[in-house]
Amino acid sequence: MTDAIAYERVGDIAVLKAQNPPVNALGFDIRKGLLAGIERAESEGAKAVLIYGDGRTYFAGADITEFGKPPQPPHLPELCNRIEASPLLVVSALHGTALGGGLEVALSSHYRIAVPTARVGLPEVHLGLLPGAGGTQRLPRVAGTEKSLEIITSGRQVGAKEALEAGIIDKIDEGEPREIGLAYAQELLDQGAPRRAVGELPAPEAIDFDAAYDAILKKGRGQLSPATCVRALQAASEAATFEEGLKRERD
């Protein structure tokens, strides 16, 4: 484990607390700590894992101090895939903002609960990028193609109520993230809820992606990232497997 992630055991639930102020950015120590925490929980016989952020927010995005430097493993896409592949029930409790890589980690969890003031989003287009850790593949599997297209190409933040209605989160509750997360994880265990990996859900519906690409490219006035996101979302719908869609997103 690293100091950026604290490990705690509450009954059958392993609790992973991110403590990398001020915004719990997904830097190397956080990524390494999350991976170690998942592996420890599995090796120690836990039945569920809760992931939440200390302080004012869940993971608010990538660590910008790492931009332009050689990335250190575990890389975020691999970490998200490893979280999703866990045989344990993985729950994320969201507060503050879950943006970019933060939302991608949450979507890699099997269930998501949020406080009423939480906000989520994939704002990468504002940096001329696209969500590269599965965001274009997982979001449409829970929110549908049209909704995901609007969220990703605008880069806007989505409030908890709208996120619940869209299927991005599963529940809203008042309280501290740790407490509502623990209660939800225990409720799921008591119900015998199945492990629910987003990547194993059916591929999202197809739309006229060529028309969407042309419209968004025109609207972007030369900005390529929103239109490129359309092609990544198209991969989610058309790729033969989820893994192939992930590869096309990375490409």
Foldseek 3Di string as FASTA:
>chain_A
DAPQWDWDDDPLEIETEGDDPDQSACAPRNLVSLVVSLVVSVVVRRQEYEYEYPYQWGHQYHDCVCPPPPHDPPDLLVSLQVQLPRQHQYEYETGAEQEQSSLSNRLSGQAYEYAQAYKYAYQCLVVLAFRQNCLLQQLCLQQALVVSLVRRLVRDIGTPVVCCVRRSHPYYDDDDRVVVRVVVSVVCVVVVPHRGGSQPGDQHDDDPLVVVLVVSCVVVVNRNHSSVSSVLNNLSRPPPGSVSSSVSSND
